[in-house]
Amino acid sequence: MSLRIGIMGIAGRMGRLLAEEVVAAGAVLAGGTVRGGDAGALLSASDAAIDFTHASAAAAHAASAAAAGKPLVLGTSGLSPEAEAAVARAAERVPVVYAANFAPGVNLVLALAERMAAALPAENYDAEIVEMHHRQKVDAPSGTALALGRAVARGRGTTLEAAGAESGRDGHCGARRTGAIGFAALRGGQVVGEHTVLFAAGAEHIALTHRSFDRRAYATGAVRAALWAHGRAPGLYDMKHVLGMA
């Protein structure tokens, strides 16, 4: 029997792409919710669900998935610490695949950024992350940019919070702090997503860039994650697990 996948926010731009990719993957589209729709009813009719709606709905959708005993793929960025805690609680009961970005290429870049950071010491190489998205995006830095920052920090044996994040520099802000991880967010037009992590030393610069030209890459990866999550033990997973890199 083919896996039944439900789409939360099916009427949106990503929701429509997700619906197409569910069918393309040979799964069954179980249905979807629109704004304020009944997530519980959708989960009852599904074997797994995908949520790319809004950060404000993430905690409730995760709780509904846990109550229904169904895997959840969560691609919403900009979650508050409270919402992330709610997602973690849900993952104690069901498998939850939560990632800042579901494009396979981005996740390879995250792995490479961590390895590069481990090889390039913070005392000699400043790490800067530059991202650009369409003018409608409401959060900055993007979830993927923050994930890159965390990957760099992890490679250097620390956390983003401990290393210190510098963003929104303006005016007479003083010299750059050694070891800090810098962020710059650009917004304009209809750019799907561009992310660059730059390691800058006195004698050389190394840049690692990923560009998304079509949101379908995110949808394809999310459906792949839903197929992977079905039948897994409860836990909080990400795309490294789906891609076999963890």
Foldseek 3Di string as FASTA:
>chain_A
DAFEEEEEQLVDPLNVLLVVLCVVVVHHDQYYAHVPGDLLVSLLSGQEYEYQDELVCQLVNLVSCLVSQHEYEYAYDDHDPVSVVSNQVSLQRAAYAYDPFLQPVLVVVLQVLLQVLLVQDLQFWAKEKEKEAEQPDDDPPGSSSLSSLQSSQVSNVHGLVVQAEAEDDDDPPDDDDRSHYYYYYHYHHGFHMKMKIWIDGPVDIDIDIDGDPDCSSRSNRSSLVSVVRRPDRRHYHYVCVSVVND
